[in-house]
Protein backbone atom coordinates (compact mmCIF):
# COMPACT_ATOMS: atom_id res chain seq x y z
CA MET A 1 0.00 0.00 0.00
CA SER A 2 1.43 3.34 -1.01
CA PRO A 3 1.82 6.21 1.50
CA ASN A 4 -0.89 8.11 -0.28
CA SER A 5 -3.39 5.28 0.30
CA ARG A 6 -2.81 5.49 4.11
CA LEU A 7 -3.65 9.22 4.39
CA PRO A 8 -7.41 8.83 4.57
CA ASN A 9 -7.16 6.36 7.48
CA SER A 10 -4.70 8.61 9.29
CA ALA A 11 -7.00 11.57 8.80
CA ARG A 12 -9.92 9.61 10.16
CA ALA A 13 -7.88 8.53 13.19
CA SER A 14 -6.87 12.14 13.79
CA ASP A 15 -10.48 13.29 13.53
CA LEU A 16 -11.60 10.60 15.96
CA ALA A 17 -8.86 11.62 18.39
CA ARG A 18 -9.92 15.26 18.19
CA MET A 19 -13.56 14.26 18.74
CA ALA A 20 -12.59 12.18 21.76
CA ILE A 21 -10.64 15.09 23.19
CA CYS A 22 -13.56 17.45 22.58
CA LEU A 23 -16.02 15.05 24.21
CA SER A 24 -13.69 14.67 27.17
CA LEU A 25 -13.43 18.43 27.55
CA ILE A 26 -17.20 18.81 27.30
CA LEU A 27 -17.69 16.09 29.92
CA ILE A 28 -15.13 17.67 32.25
CA THR A 29 -16.71 21.12 31.79
CA ALA A 30 -20.20 19.72 32.43
CA THR A 31 -18.98 17.92 35.55
CA ILE A 32 -17.31 21.05 36.94
CA THR A 33 -20.41 23.14 36.13
CA PHE A 34 -22.64 20.61 37.89
CA ILE A 35 -20.44 20.57 40.99
CA VAL A 36 -20.29 24.38 41.16
CA PHE A 37 -24.03 24.76 40.51
CA ARG A 38 -24.86 22.13 43.14
CA GLY A 39 -22.64 23.99 45.62
CA LEU A 40 -24.36 27.26 44.86
CA LEU A 41 -27.79 25.68 45.31
CA LYS A 42 -26.71 24.18 48.62
CA ASP A 43 -25.35 27.52 49.81
CA ALA A 44 -28.57 29.25 48.81
CA SER A 45 -30.64 26.58 50.50
CA ASP A 46 -28.56 26.75 53.65
CA SER A 47 -28.76 30.53 53.63
CA GLY A 48 -32.52 30.40 53.25
CA LEU A 49 -32.75 27.86 56.04
CA GLU A 50 -30.67 30.10 58.30
CA ARG A 51 -32.89 33.06 57.47
CA ARG A 52 -35.97 30.99 58.29
CA LYS A 53 -34.36 29.94 61.57
CA GLU A 54 -33.58 33.57 62.38
CA VAL A 55 -37.17 34.60 61.65
CA ALA A 56 -38.49 31.79 63.83
CA ALA A 57 -36.04 32.64 66.62
CA ASP A 58 -36.98 36.32 66.53
CA ASP A 59 -40.70 35.59 66.42
CA VAL A 60 -40.91 35.17 70.20
CA GLN A 61 -38.30 36.71 72.47
CA ARG A 62 -37.76 36.51 76.21
CA VAL A 63 -37.91 39.80 78.12
CA ARG A 64 -37.29 40.56 81.78
CA ILE A 65 -39.86 42.54 83.75
CA PRO A 66 -38.43 44.04 86.96
CA GLY A 67 -40.00 42.48 90.03
CA ILE A 68 -41.71 39.77 88.01
CA GLY A 69 -39.20 37.78 86.01
CA VAL A 70 -38.71 36.65 82.44
CA VAL A 71 -41.70 36.21 80.12
CA ASP A 72 -42.33 35.74 76.42
CA TYR A 73 -42.85 38.75 74.20
CA GLN A 74 -44.18 38.44 70.67
CA ARG A 75 -44.59 41.45 68.40
CA LEU A 76 -47.90 41.11 66.56
CA PHE A 77 -48.18 44.21 64.37
CA GLU A 78 -47.40 47.92 64.09
CA VAL A 79 -49.85 50.50 62.79
CA VAL A 80 -49.97 54.30 62.38
CA SER A 81 -53.07 56.48 62.24
CA GLU A 82 -54.49 58.04 59.10
CA PRO A 83 -54.08 61.82 58.61
CA GLY A 84 -56.48 63.67 60.90
CA GLU A 85 -57.53 60.49 62.72
CA SER A 86 -58.19 61.08 66.42
CA MET A 87 -56.89 58.79 69.15
CA ASP A 88 -60.43 57.49 69.75
CA ALA A 89 -60.94 56.77 66.05
CA PHE A 90 -57.53 55.12 65.86
CA ALA A 91 -58.34 52.90 68.85
CA LEU A 92 -61.67 51.97 67.29
CA ARG A 93 -59.97 50.99 64.04
CA ILE A 94 -57.31 48.75 65.55
CA GLY A 95 -59.40 47.36 68.40
CA PRO A 96 -60.92 44.52 66.34
CA ARG A 97 -57.43 43.25 65.46
CA LEU A 98 -56.54 42.87 69.15
CA ARG A 99 -59.87 41.24 69.91
CA ALA A 100 -59.48 38.82 66.98
CA TYR A 101 -56.05 37.74 68.22
CA SER A 102 -57.36 37.15 71.75
CA ASP A 103 -60.39 35.26 70.46
CA GLU A 104 -58.11 32.98 68.46
CA THR A 105 -55.43 32.35 71.09
CA GLY A 106 -56.94 33.14 74.48
CA TYR A 107 -53.98 35.47 75.14
CA GLU A 108 -54.09 39.17 75.98
CA ALA A 109 -52.65 41.67 73.50
CA CYS A 110 -51.53 45.21 74.25
CA GLY A 111 -49.47 48.23 73.26
CA VAL A 112 -48.49 51.76 74.25
CA LEU A 113 -50.16 54.44 72.17
CA ALA A 114 -47.60 56.91 70.82
CA THR A 115 -47.50 60.07 68.72
CA ASP A 116 -45.13 62.21 66.68
CA GLY A 117 -47.38 65.25 67.04
CA GLU A 118 -49.25 64.59 63.81
CA HIS A 119 -50.09 60.88 63.89
CA PHE A 120 -50.73 58.22 66.47
CA GLY A 121 -49.09 54.85 66.34
CA VAL A 122 -48.70 51.65 68.31
CA VAL A 123 -46.74 48.42 68.38
CA ILE A 124 -49.07 45.64 69.51
CA GLY A 125 -47.52 42.67 71.24
CA THR A 126 -48.36 39.87 73.64
CA ASN A 127 -46.74 37.99 76.50
CA ARG A 128 -48.62 34.87 75.37
CA ALA A 129 -50.43 34.88 78.71
CA HIS A 130 -54.12 34.53 79.51
CA ILE A 131 -54.22 36.90 82.47
CA ALA A 132 -52.14 39.96 81.61
CA CYS A 133 -50.09 41.83 79.03
CA ALA A 134 -47.11 43.99 79.98
CA ASN A 135 -46.69 47.27 78.12
CA PHE A 136 -43.19 48.42 77.16
CA GLU A 137 -42.48 52.03 76.23
CA ALA A 138 -39.38 50.74 74.46
CA PHE A 139 -41.64 49.17 71.80
CA LEU A 140 -42.98 52.15 69.84
CA PRO A 141 -43.12 53.16 66.17
CA GLU A 142 -39.91 54.91 65.16
CA GLY A 143 -39.87 58.63 65.85
CA MET A 144 -42.84 58.53 68.22
CA ALA A 145 -43.17 59.18 71.96
CA PRO A 146 -45.66 57.65 74.43
CA THR A 147 -48.95 59.45 75.01
CA GLY A 148 -49.54 57.98 78.47
CA GLN A 149 -52.39 55.89 77.06
CA THR A 150 -52.48 52.18 76.26
CA ILE A 151 -54.76 49.75 74.46
CA HIS A 152 -55.28 46.08 75.24
CA SER A 153 -57.64 43.15 74.95
CA HIS A 154 -58.55 40.52 77.52
CA GLY A 155 -57.77 36.87 76.82
CA ASN A 156 -61.00 34.93 77.18
CA ASP A 157 -63.93 34.51 79.56
CA ARG A 158 -63.22 30.84 80.34
CA ALA A 159 -60.85 29.28 82.84
CA SER A 160 -57.54 28.30 81.27
CA ARG A 161 -54.58 26.22 82.29
CA ALA A 162 -51.84 28.60 83.42
CA ASN A 163 -48.64 28.53 81.41
CA LYS A 164 -45.17 29.74 82.42
CA ASN A 165 -45.98 33.31 81.42
CA ASP A 166 -49.20 33.35 83.45
CA LYS A 167 -47.31 32.08 86.49
CA ALA A 168 -44.59 34.70 86.12
CA LEU A 169 -47.12 37.50 85.69
CA MET A 170 -49.00 36.34 88.78
CA GLY A 171 -45.98 37.61 90.69
CA GLN A 172 -45.57 34.57 92.89
CA HIS A 173 -44.08 31.09 92.88
CA LEU A 174 -46.85 28.52 92.76
CA ALA A 175 -46.40 25.32 94.71
CA THR A 176 -46.28 22.07 92.80
CA GLN A 177 -49.01 19.55 93.35
CA GLY A 178 -48.61 15.92 94.29
CA GLY A 179 -44.82 16.06 94.20
CA ALA A 180 -44.92 15.71 90.41
CA GLY A 181 -42.58 18.64 89.97
CA LYS A 182 -45.03 20.57 87.83
CA ALA A 183 -47.87 22.77 88.96
CA ILE A 184 -51.24 22.27 87.32
CA VAL A 185 -52.91 25.63 87.86
CA THR A 186 -55.95 27.17 86.23
CA VAL A 187 -56.61 30.88 85.90
CA ALA A 188 -60.09 32.36 85.90
CA GLY A 189 -61.59 33.81 82.78
CA GLN A 190 -61.92 37.56 82.32
CA ALA A 191 -64.78 39.87 81.47
CA LEU A 192 -64.23 40.67 77.82
CA ASP A 193 -66.17 43.95 77.94
CA ALA A 194 -65.07 45.44 81.26
CA PHE A 195 -61.88 46.79 82.81
CA SER A 196 -60.36 44.88 85.69
CA GLY A 197 -59.07 46.39 88.92
CA THR A 198 -55.55 45.90 87.61
CA ASP A 199 -56.45 47.87 84.47
CA PHE A 200 -57.46 50.89 86.53
CA HIS A 201 -54.23 50.77 88.53
CA SER A 202 -52.17 50.48 85.34
CA GLY A 203 -53.14 53.92 84.04
CA PRO A 204 -55.57 55.28 81.45
CA GLY A 205 -56.25 53.48 78.24
CA TYR A 206 -58.56 51.58 75.93
CA LEU A 207 -59.95 48.05 76.04
CA ALA A 208 -60.93 46.31 72.82
CA ILE A 209 -64.23 44.58 73.55
CA PRO A 210 -66.34 42.27 71.34
CA ARG A 211 -68.54 45.10 70.11
CA GLY A 212 -66.35 48.17 70.17
CA VAL A 213 -63.85 49.93 72.41
CA ILE A 214 -64.14 51.43 75.88
CA HIS A 215 -61.83 53.88 77.64
CA HIS A 216 -61.03 54.83 81.22
CA ALA A 217 -59.07 57.79 82.59
CA GLY A 218 -57.88 56.06 85.76
CA SER A 219 -61.00 55.09 87.65
CA ALA A 220 -64.21 53.10 87.31
CA SER A 221 -66.22 56.32 87.29
CA SER A 222 -64.36 57.56 84.22
CA VAL A 223 -65.24 54.62 81.96
CA ARG A 224 -66.86 55.64 78.69
CA ILE A 225 -68.02 53.77 75.62
CA VAL A 226 -66.06 54.97 72.61
CA LEU A 227 -68.26 53.14 70.13
CA PRO A 228 -71.92 52.90 71.16
CA ILE A 229 -72.98 49.28 71.50
CA SER A 230 -76.19 48.62 69.61
CA ASP A 231 -78.32 45.50 69.52
């Protein structure tokens, strides 16, 4: 066979070699891309998981109340009044949101009413307790100062099993029963449409009731219906 007759076979072998090299490079590139992409997906997933963990961890925080102890605090919502809206009208507008939360959970909700001189605002939170809700002047809309008024809702009108927050807010250490190491304590229900004695001692403010909002200025004789209750 002459040298010229071997050229086509050599050319084919060279082409096949180049194709094999190209395929190998493509495979290597695809493998590297897959590894990098998988790493990026994992990082994104881990980052999202961490963010979800942070959100969950921040959802309920533990706060110390002087003379009482440590209780849960959960921020529920923040709202600011409409232009020209009075404090009464503002309380009437947000009252149903507090009452809805208490109806759903059995926990009290509350907040300190604040103002910037033009608008009213409030950060509503809860101690996840059936019997009380501690107000914190540190939790206010940005740029606002407390008005000296509060708004809250009572938990429910049925007896409930006391949780750790209820026990802390009772201001006393409850004895365990039967040596079991855990106290089984029930707390009485509350009137949903009337201020308690503790409310009067806590300063003036509003109570979100099932059919409106009421207000007191520091005593039982000062109670007024902000929204007339009709049949």
